[in-house]
C-alpha atoms as a PDB file:
ATOM      1  CA  UNK A   1       0.268 -12.409  27.117  1.00  0.00           C
ATOM      2  CA  UNK A   2      -2.349 -14.245  26.072  1.00  0.00           C
ATOM      3  CA  UNK A   3      -5.793 -13.807  27.106  1.00  0.00           C
ATOM      4  CA  UNK A   4      -7.665 -16.743  28.121  1.00  0.00           C
ATOM      5  CA  UNK A   5     -10.710 -15.795  25.926  1.00  0.00           C
ATOM      6  CA  UNK A   6      -8.592 -15.766  22.944  1.00  0.00           C
ATOM      7  CA  UNK A   7      -9.266 -18.989  20.385  1.00  0.00           C
ATOM      8  CA  UNK A   8      -6.033 -19.923  18.821  1.00  0.00           C
ATOM      9  CA  UNK A   9      -5.721 -22.665  16.428  1.00  0.00           C
ATOM     10  CA  UNK A  10      -3.093 -25.439  17.391  1.00  0.00           C
ATOM     11  CA  UNK A  11      -1.572 -25.020  13.831  1.00  0.00           C
ATOM     12  CA  UNK A  12      -1.116 -21.395  14.263  1.00  0.00           C
ATOM     13  CA  UNK A  13       2.550 -20.285  15.011  1.00  0.00           C
ATOM     14  CA  UNK A  14       2.960 -17.346  17.294  1.00  0.00           C
ATOM     15  CA  UNK A  15       6.572 -16.249  18.962  1.00  0.00           C
ATOM     16  CA  UNK A  16       6.795 -16.253  22.651  1.00  0.00           C
ATOM     17  CA  UNK A  17       6.185 -12.624  23.325  1.00  0.00           C
ATOM     18  CA  UNK A  18       3.138 -12.188  20.941  1.00  0.00           C
ATOM     19  CA  UNK A  19       0.406 -10.357  22.755  1.00  0.00           C
ATOM     20  CA  UNK A  20      -3.335 -11.516  21.873  1.00  0.00           C
ATOM     21  CA  UNK A  21      -6.488  -9.671  23.317  1.00  0.00           C
ATOM     22  CA  UNK A  22      -9.647 -11.112  24.273  1.00  0.00           C
ATOM     23  CA  UNK A  23     -11.910 -12.749  22.171  1.00  0.00           C
ATOM     24  CA  UNK A  24      -9.075 -12.792  19.518  1.00  0.00           C
ATOM     25  CA  UNK A  25      -9.733 -15.358  16.694  1.00  0.00           C
ATOM     26  CA  UNK A  26      -6.348 -16.855  14.979  1.00  0.00           C
ATOM     27  CA  UNK A  27      -6.795 -19.733  12.633  1.00  0.00           C
ATOM     28  CA  UNK A  28      -4.599 -22.663  11.110  1.00  0.00           C
ATOM     29  CA  UNK A  29      -1.983 -21.221   8.610  1.00  0.00           C
ATOM     30  CA  UNK A  30      -1.198 -17.998  10.695  1.00  0.00           C
ATOM     31  CA  UNK A  31       2.118 -17.206  11.649  1.00  0.00           C
ATOM     32  CA  UNK A  32       3.058 -13.956  13.878  1.00  0.00           C
ATOM     33  CA  UNK A  33       6.555 -12.638  14.660  1.00  0.00           C
ATOM     34  CA  UNK A  34       8.299 -11.603  17.599  1.00  0.00           C
ATOM     35  CA  UNK A  35       6.926  -8.530  19.491  1.00  0.00           C
ATOM     36  CA  UNK A  36       3.779  -8.091  17.833  1.00  0.00           C
ATOM     37  CA  UNK A  37       0.722  -7.115  19.874  1.00  0.00           C
ATOM     38  CA  UNK A  38      -2.733  -8.108  18.346  1.00  0.00           C
ATOM     39  CA  UNK A  39      -5.691  -6.466  20.272  1.00  0.00           C
ATOM     40  CA  UNK A  40      -9.163  -7.384  21.021  1.00  0.00           C
ATOM     41  CA  UNK A  41     -11.615  -9.187  18.827  1.00  0.00           C
ATOM     42  CA  UNK A  42      -9.302  -9.238  15.849  1.00  0.00           C
ATOM     43  CA  UNK A  43      -9.719 -12.053  13.218  1.00  0.00           C
ATOM     44  CA  UNK A  44      -6.663 -13.534  11.746  1.00  0.00           C
ATOM     45  CA  UNK A  45      -6.765 -16.388   8.907  1.00  0.00           C
ATOM     46  CA  UNK A  46      -4.130 -18.256   6.979  1.00  0.00           C
ATOM     47  CA  UNK A  47      -2.521 -18.944   5.395  1.00  0.00           C
ATOM     48  CA  UNK A  48      -0.947 -15.626   6.698  1.00  0.00           C
ATOM     49  CA  UNK A  49       2.588 -14.587   7.972  1.00  0.00           C
ATOM     50  CA  UNK A  50       2.841 -11.532   9.798  1.00  0.00           C
ATOM     51  CA  UNK A  51       6.541 -10.146  10.992  1.00  0.00           C
ATOM     52  CA  UNK A  52       7.964  -8.862  13.844  1.00  0.00           C
ATOM     53  CA  UNK A  53       6.647  -5.679  16.268  1.00  0.00           C
ATOM     54  CA  UNK A  54       3.377  -4.961  14.521  1.00  0.00           C
ATOM     55  CA  UNK A  55       0.371  -3.701  16.325  1.00  0.00           C
ATOM     56  CA  UNK A  56      -3.196  -4.671  15.127  1.00  0.00           C
ATOM     57  CA  UNK A  57      -6.148  -3.026  16.719  1.00  0.00           C
ATOM     58  CA  UNK A  58      -9.438  -4.176  17.790  1.00  0.00           C
ATOM     59  CA  UNK A  59     -11.972  -5.408  15.290  1.00  0.00           C
ATOM     60  CA  UNK A  60      -9.694  -5.792  12.208  1.00  0.00           C
ATOM     61  CA  UNK A  61      -9.882  -8.803   9.655  1.00  0.00           C
ATOM     62  CA  UNK A  62      -6.476  -9.885   8.349  1.00  0.00           C
ATOM     63  CA  UNK A  63      -6.144 -12.669   5.989  1.00  0.00           C
ATOM     64  CA  UNK A  64      -9.741 -13.498   5.035  1.00  0.00           C
ATOM     65  CA  UNK A  65     -10.991 -14.923   1.669  1.00  0.00           C
ATOM     66  CA  UNK A  66     -10.932 -12.145  -1.168  1.00  0.00           C
ATOM     67  CA  UNK A  67     -14.637 -10.732  -2.262  1.00  0.00           C
ATOM     68  CA  UNK A  68     -13.541 -11.879  -6.139  1.00  0.00           C
ATOM     69  CA  UNK A  69     -16.569 -13.915  -7.433  1.00  0.00           C
ATOM     70  CA  UNK A  70     -13.642 -16.243  -9.547  1.00  0.00           C
ATOM     71  CA  UNK A  71     -11.980 -17.173  -5.803  1.00  0.00           C
ATOM     72  CA  UNK A  72     -12.864 -20.923  -5.350  1.00  0.00           C
ATOM     73  CA  UNK A  73     -10.949 -21.769  -2.180  1.00  0.00           C
ATOM     74  CA  UNK A  74      -7.576 -21.946  -3.627  1.00  0.00           C
ATOM     75  CA  UNK A  75      -4.463 -22.077  -1.234  1.00  0.00           C
ATOM     76  CA  UNK A  76      -3.603 -18.415  -1.483  1.00  0.00           C
ATOM     77  CA  UNK A  77      -1.666 -16.120   1.020  1.00  0.00           C
ATOM     78  CA  UNK A  78      -1.045 -12.804   2.756  1.00  0.00           C
ATOM     79  CA  UNK A  79       2.604 -11.869   3.776  1.00  0.00           C
ATOM     80  CA  UNK A  80       2.927  -8.747   5.986  1.00  0.00           C
ATOM     81  CA  UNK A  81       6.445  -7.662   7.013  1.00  0.00           C
ATOM     82  CA  UNK A  82       7.531  -5.706  10.366  1.00  0.00           C
ATOM     83  CA  UNK A  83       6.648  -2.483  12.247  1.00  0.00           C
ATOM     84  CA  UNK A  84       2.903  -2.030  10.733  1.00  0.00           C
ATOM     85  CA  UNK A  85       0.322  -0.344  12.787  1.00  0.00           C
ATOM     86  CA  UNK A  86      -3.446  -1.715  11.503  1.00  0.00           C
ATOM     87  CA  UNK A  87      -5.883   0.150  13.013  1.00  0.00           C
ATOM     88  CA  UNK A  88      -9.619  -0.691  13.796  1.00  0.00           C
ATOM     89  CA  UNK A  89     -12.037  -2.287  11.311  1.00  0.00           C
ATOM     90  CA  UNK A  90      -9.064  -2.644   8.955  1.00  0.00           C
ATOM     91  CA  UNK A  91      -9.462  -5.517   6.350  1.00  0.00           C
ATOM     92  CA  UNK A  92      -6.927  -7.280   4.221  1.00  0.00           C
ATOM     93  CA  UNK A  93      -7.383 -10.052   1.821  1.00  0.00           C
ATOM     94  CA  UNK A  94      -5.452 -12.596   0.706  1.00  0.00           C
ATOM     95  CA  UNK A  95      -4.817 -13.255  -3.018  1.00  0.00           C
ATOM     96  CA  UNK A  96      -6.093 -15.140  -6.019  1.00  0.00           C
ATOM     97  CA  UNK A  97      -4.410 -17.367  -8.464  1.00  0.00           C
ATOM     98  CA  UNK A  98      -5.641 -15.115 -11.280  1.00  0.00           C
ATOM     99  CA  UNK A  99      -2.381 -13.279  -9.993  1.00  0.00           C
ATOM    100  CA  UNK A 100       0.435 -14.189  -8.025  1.00  0.00           C
ATOM    101  CA  UNK A 101      -1.536 -15.792  -5.079  1.00  0.00           C
ATOM    102  CA  UNK A 102      -0.306 -13.455  -2.449  1.00  0.00           C
ATOM    103  CA  UNK A 103      -1.367 -10.095  -0.837  1.00  0.00           C
ATOM    104  CA  UNK A 104       1.734  -8.270   0.201  1.00  0.00           C
ATOM    105  CA  UNK A 105       2.388  -5.273   2.777  1.00  0.00           C
ATOM    106  CA  UNK A 106       6.037  -4.240   3.151  1.00  0.00           C
ATOM    107  CA  UNK A 107       7.383  -2.254   6.521  1.00  0.00           C
ATOM    108  CA  UNK A 108       6.350   0.814   8.745  1.00  0.00           C
ATOM    109  CA  UNK A 109       3.366   1.251   7.086  1.00  0.00           C
ATOM    110  CA  UNK A 110       0.029   2.835   8.782  1.00  0.00           C
ATOM    111  CA  UNK A 111      -3.242   1.682   7.936  1.00  0.00           C
ATOM    112  CA  UNK A 112      -5.991   4.159   9.538  1.00  0.00           C
ATOM    113  CA  UNK A 113      -9.237   2.804  10.552  1.00  0.00           C
ATOM    114  CA  UNK A 114     -11.595   1.363   8.060  1.00  0.00           C
ATOM    115  CA  UNK A 115      -9.049   0.983   5.315  1.00  0.00           C
ATOM    116  CA  UNK A 116      -9.276  -2.007   2.957  1.00  0.00           C
ATOM    117  CA  UNK A 117      -6.627  -3.880   0.893  1.00  0.00           C
ATOM    118  CA  UNK A 118      -7.755  -6.082  -1.666  1.00  0.00           C
ATOM    119  CA  UNK A 119      -6.393  -9.380  -3.138  1.00  0.00           C
ATOM    120  CA  UNK A 120      -3.217  -9.269  -4.895  1.00  0.00           C
ATOM    121  CA  UNK A 121      -2.369  -5.921  -3.715  1.00  0.00           C
ATOM    122  CA  UNK A 122       1.424  -4.919  -3.462  1.00  0.00           C
ATOM    123  CA  UNK A 123       1.959  -2.109  -0.520  1.00  0.00           C
ATOM    124  CA  UNK A 124       5.634  -1.325  -0.170  1.00  0.00           C
ATOM    125  CA  UNK A 125       7.150   0.441   2.757  1.00  0.00           C
ATOM    126  CA  UNK A 126       6.567   3.378   4.947  1.00  0.00           C
ATOM    127  CA  UNK A 127       3.098   3.952   3.104  1.00  0.00           C
ATOM    128  CA  UNK A 128       0.179   5.509   4.797  1.00  0.00           C
ATOM    129  CA  UNK A 129      -3.576   4.797   4.039  1.00  0.00           C
ATOM    130  CA  UNK A 130      -5.581   7.273   5.907  1.00  0.00           C
ATOM    131  CA  UNK A 131      -9.225   6.547   7.284  1.00  0.00           C
ATOM    132  CA  UNK A 132     -11.348   4.645   4.798  1.00  0.00           C
ATOM    133  CA  UNK A 133      -8.716   4.633   2.011  1.00  0.00           C
ATOM    134  CA  UNK A 134      -9.506   1.405  -0.071  1.00  0.00           C
ATOM    135  CA  UNK A 135      -7.537  -0.370  -2.636  1.00  0.00           C
ATOM    136  CA  UNK A 136      -9.141  -2.531  -5.138  1.00  0.00           C
ATOM    137  CA  UNK A 137      -7.377  -6.009  -6.366  1.00  0.00           C
ATOM    138  CA  UNK A 138      -4.392  -6.010  -7.983  1.00  0.00           C
ATOM    139  CA  UNK A 139      -3.339  -2.600  -6.780  1.00  0.00           C
ATOM    140  CA  UNK A 140       0.565  -1.800  -6.237  1.00  0.00           C
ATOM    141  CA  UNK A 141       1.396   1.059  -3.546  1.00  0.00           C
ATOM    142  CA  UNK A 142       5.217   2.164  -3.731  1.00  0.00           C
ATOM    143  CA  UNK A 143       7.261   3.091  -0.996  1.00  0.00           C
ATOM    144  CA  UNK A 144       6.123   6.256   0.982  1.00  0.00           C
ATOM    145  CA  UNK A 145       2.948   6.995  -0.839  1.00  0.00           C
ATOM    146  CA  UNK A 146       0.338   8.641   1.274  1.00  0.00           C
ATOM    147  CA  UNK A 147      -3.430   8.153   0.158  1.00  0.00           C
ATOM    148  CA  UNK A 148      -5.855  10.851   2.133  1.00  0.00           C
ATOM    149  CA  UNK A 149      -9.085   9.743   3.826  1.00  0.00           C
ATOM    150  CA  UNK A 150     -11.697   8.067   1.708  1.00  0.00           C
ATOM    151  CA  UNK A 151      -9.435   7.463  -1.459  1.00  0.00           C
ATOM    152  CA  UNK A 152     -10.524   5.049  -3.792  1.00  0.00           C
ATOM    153  CA  UNK A 153      -8.268   3.327  -6.099  1.00  0.00           C
ATOM    154  CA  UNK A 154      -9.474   1.424  -9.029  1.00  0.00           C
ATOM    155  CA  UNK A 155      -7.995  -2.306  -9.845  1.00  0.00           C
ATOM    156  CA  UNK A 156      -4.783  -2.825 -11.498  1.00  0.00           C
ATOM    157  CA  UNK A 157      -3.903   0.792 -10.727  1.00  0.00           C
ATOM    158  CA  UNK A 158      -0.132   2.149  -9.717  1.00  0.00           C
ATOM    159  CA  UNK A 159       0.592   4.409  -7.150  1.00  0.00           C
ATOM    160  CA  UNK A 160       4.273   6.012  -7.468  1.00  0.00           C
ATOM    161  CA  UNK A 161       6.764   6.618  -4.603  1.00  0.00           C
ATOM    162  CA  UNK A 162       6.246   9.607  -2.469  1.00  0.00           C
ATOM    163  CA  UNK A 163       3.047  10.298  -4.325  1.00  0.00           C
ATOM    164  CA  UNK A 164       0.290  12.094  -2.412  1.00  0.00           C
ATOM    165  CA  UNK A 165      -3.816  11.886  -3.079  1.00  0.00           C
ATOM    166  CA  UNK A 166      -5.997  14.128  -1.471  1.00  0.00           C
ATOM    167  CA  UNK A 167      -9.007  13.238   0.732  1.00  0.00           C
ATOM    168  CA  UNK A 168     -11.895  12.012  -1.430  1.00  0.00           C
ATOM    169  CA  UNK A 169      -9.785  11.267  -4.451  1.00  0.00           C
ATOM    170  CA  UNK A 170     -10.912   8.572  -7.105  1.00  0.00           C
ATOM    171  CA  UNK A 171      -8.083   7.023  -8.945  1.00  0.00           C
ATOM    172  CA  UNK A 172      -8.772   5.355 -11.890  1.00  0.00           C
ATOM    173  CA  UNK A 173      -5.237   5.732 -13.560  1.00  0.00           C
ATOM    174  CA  UNK A 174      -1.565   5.491 -12.292  1.00  0.00           C
ATOM    175  CA  UNK A 175      -0.036   8.126 -10.353  1.00  0.00           C
ATOM    176  CA  UNK A 176       3.453   8.754 -11.258  1.00  0.00           C
ATOM    177  CA  UNK A 177       6.213   9.209  -8.299  1.00  0.00           C
ATOM    178  CA  UNK A 178       6.240  12.503  -6.323  1.00  0.00           C
ATOM    179  CA  UNK A 179       3.076  13.510  -7.974  1.00  0.00           C
ATOM    180  CA  UNK A 180       0.150  15.119  -5.636  1.00  0.00           C
ATOM    181  CA  UNK A 181      -3.515  14.360  -7.124  1.00  0.00           C
ATOM    182  CA  UNK A 182      -6.865  15.212  -6.011  1.00  0.00           C
ATOM    183  CA  UNK A 183     -10.665  15.283  -7.360  1.00  0.00           C
ATOM    184  CA  UNK A 184     -13.169  13.125  -8.948  1.00  0.00           C
ATOM    185  CA  UNK A 185     -11.985  12.277 -11.553  1.00  0.00           C
ATOM    186  CA  UNK A 186      -8.485  12.712 -10.287  1.00  0.00           C
ATOM    187  CA  UNK A 187      -6.274  15.271 -11.638  1.00  0.00           C
ATOM    188  CA  UNK A 188      -2.802  15.927 -11.077  1.00  0.00           C
ATOM    189  CA  UNK A 189      -1.930  19.203  -8.585  1.00  0.00           C
ATOM    190  CA  UNK A 190       1.743  19.544  -8.867  1.00  0.00           C
ATOM    191  CA  UNK A 191       4.946  18.080  -6.913  1.00  0.00           C
ATOM    192  CA  UNK A 192       4.882  16.691  -3.121  1.00  0.00           C
ATOM    193  CA  UNK A 193       7.404  18.743  -2.085  1.00  0.00           C
ATOM    194  CA  UNK A 194       6.389  19.153   1.820  1.00  0.00           C
ATOM    195  CA  UNK A 195       6.902  15.350   1.718  1.00  0.00           C
ATOM    196  CA  UNK A 196      10.044  15.004  -0.011  1.00  0.00           C
ATOM    197  CA  UNK A 197      11.580  17.783   2.145  1.00  0.00           C
ATOM    198  CA  UNK A 198      10.407  15.639   5.272  1.00  0.00           C
ATOM    199  CA  UNK A 199      11.960  12.636   3.518  1.00  0.00           C
ATOM    200  CA  UNK A 200      15.384  14.497   3.340  1.00  0.00           C
ATOM    201  CA  UNK A 201      15.744  15.306  -0.525  1.00  0.00           C
ATOM    202  CA  UNK A 202      17.890  17.834  -1.447  1.00  0.00           C
ATOM    203  CA  UNK A 203      16.849  21.457  -2.837  1.00  0.00           C
ATOM    204  CA  UNK A 204      18.544  20.397  -6.090  1.00  0.00           C
ATOM    205  CA  UNK A 205      16.749  17.185  -6.273  1.00  0.00           C
ATOM    206  CA  UNK A 206      13.389  18.780  -5.751  1.00  0.00           C
ATOM    207  CA  UNK A 207      14.113  21.359  -8.293  1.00  0.00           C
ATOM    208  CA  UNK A 208      14.662  18.602 -11.026  1.00  0.00           C
ATOM    209  CA  UNK A 209      11.455  16.735 -10.196  1.00  0.00           C
ATOM    210  CA  UNK A 210       9.871  19.997 -10.451  1.00  0.00           C
ATOM    211  CA  UNK A 211      11.302  20.358 -13.945  1.00  0.00           C
ATOM    212  CA  UNK A 212      10.554  16.586 -14.637  1.00  0.00           C
ATOM    213  CA  UNK A 213       6.511  17.477 -13.698  1.00  0.00           C
ATOM    214  CA  UNK A 214       6.763  20.407 -16.049  1.00  0.00           C
ATOM    215  CA  UNK A 215       8.086  18.065 -18.820  1.00  0.00           C
ATOM    216  CA  UNK A 216       5.050  15.527 -18.260  1.00  0.00           C
ATOM    217  CA  UNK A 217       2.157  17.871 -17.384  1.00  0.00           C
ATOM    218  CA  UNK A 218       2.939  21.480 -18.685  1.00  0.00           C
ATOM    219  CA  UNK A 219       4.154  20.858 -22.151  1.00  0.00           C
ATOM    220  CA  UNK A 220       2.989  19.593 -25.048  1.00  0.00           C
ATOM    221  CA  UNK A 221       5.266  16.382 -25.162  1.00  0.00           C
ATOM    222  CA  UNK A 222       3.751  13.136 -26.004  1.00  0.00           C
ATOM    223  CA  UNK A 223       4.347  10.445 -23.164  1.00  0.00           C
ATOM    224  CA  UNK A 224       7.396   9.037 -25.159  1.00  0.00           C
ATOM    225  CA  UNK A 225       8.647  12.215 -25.651  1.00  0.00           C
ATOM    226  CA  UNK A 226       8.581  12.916 -21.960  1.00  0.00           C
ATOM    227  CA  UNK A 227      10.039   9.738 -20.896  1.00  0.00           C
ATOM    228  CA  UNK A 228      12.917  10.399 -23.227  1.00  0.00           C
ATOM    229  CA  UNK A 229      13.683  13.809 -21.817  1.00  0.00           C
ATOM    230  CA  UNK A 230      13.332  12.482 -18.144  1.00  0.00           C
ATOM    231  CA  UNK A 231      15.889   9.669 -18.924  1.00  0.00           C
ATOM    232  CA  UNK A 232      18.507  12.262 -20.247  1.00  0.00           C
ATOM    233  CA  UNK A 233      17.909  14.098 -16.759  1.00  0.00           C
ATOM    234  CA  UNK A 234      18.184  11.109 -14.511  1.00  0.00           C
ATOM    235  CA  UNK A 235      21.652  10.282 -16.083  1.00  0.00           C
ATOM    236  CA  UNK A 236      22.272  13.610 -13.735  1.00  0.00           C
ATOM    237  CA  UNK A 237      19.459  13.447 -11.204  1.00  0.00           C
ATOM    238  CA  UNK A 238      18.897   9.975  -9.692  1.00  0.00           C
ATOM    239  CA  UNK A 239      15.961  10.604  -8.015  1.00  0.00           C
ATOM    240  CA  UNK A 240      13.931  10.569 -11.861  1.00  0.00           C
ATOM    241  CA  UNK A 241      15.088   7.253 -12.255  1.00  0.00           C
ATOM    242  CA  UNK A 242      12.402   5.702 -10.550  1.00  0.00           C
ATOM    243  CA  UNK A 243       9.847   8.164 -12.539  1.00  0.00           C
ATOM    244  CA  UNK A 244      11.245   7.247 -15.678  1.00  0.00           C
ATOM    245  CA  UNK A 245      10.721   3.572 -14.788  1.00  0.00           C
ATOM    246  CA  UNK A 246       7.370   4.086 -13.751  1.00  0.00           C
ATOM    247  CA  UNK A 247       6.301   5.717 -16.733  1.00  0.00           C
ATOM    248  CA  UNK A 248       7.995   3.141 -18.992  1.00  0.00           C
ATOM    249  CA  UNK A 249       5.782   0.469 -17.186  1.00  0.00           C
ATOM    250  CA  UNK A 250       2.349   2.584 -16.680  1.00  0.00           C
ATOM    251  CA  UNK A 251      -0.552   0.047 -17.498  1.00  0.00           C
ATOM    252  CA  UNK A 252      -3.438   2.192 -17.363  1.00  0.00           C
ATOM    253  CA  UNK A 253      -1.832   5.081 -18.153  1.00  0.00           C
ATOM    254  CA  UNK A 254      -1.260   7.977 -15.813  1.00  0.00           C
ATOM    255  CA  UNK A 255      -3.430  10.556 -14.210  1.00  0.00           C
ATOM    256  CA  UNK A 256      -3.477  13.500 -16.665  1.00  0.00           C
END
């Protein structure tokens, strides 16, 4: 399962059935879980923990030092969950001590070719980053968000659950859950209805999410007023609770 040309440090820990392709380099402090397949010409640098049944394609660089000029070699780490697909030329960097020291990627994500996840980012579960989408440092991407090709996300931004960014979006503010955005600068363009239907949301829930969108973007309410209205709606439509929490905790304000 391990090609003879692969270089694996004695301090790396690989499950018995891990597959490693030719000319791959795995450094000290790397842990790889069962069922994971690592292609040729991949570089894994620790401290990095990779879960079960992941697929890492050729020429990816996973767990490298971050590009933050403040980084001075402190011991930080990368944690990757299960069943992720990391395609060609993807780069994922470890965290910094200016944050929690961890870059984190959950389960069941698809990172297409040339995507970049910078230091201290948190990517949830079931997310898709299309080709060349890039996250700057400290970005949080919540579950089932989709970033279109060449989307660029500014540092410290938050991307809400089930949101969608169109190709080439330049995101400099937070994207609320369920919202479609696009352009440069990015603007809201409605609710991700197709994505919600595919994920099994009921027609009633989608209708209420559309109402919530109109309250945020189509009314004259201030954000605090909109949050209060959505909080009341959430008592009857639980799907809106994540939207209320997101709006209450936005750091860079939301895309408007």
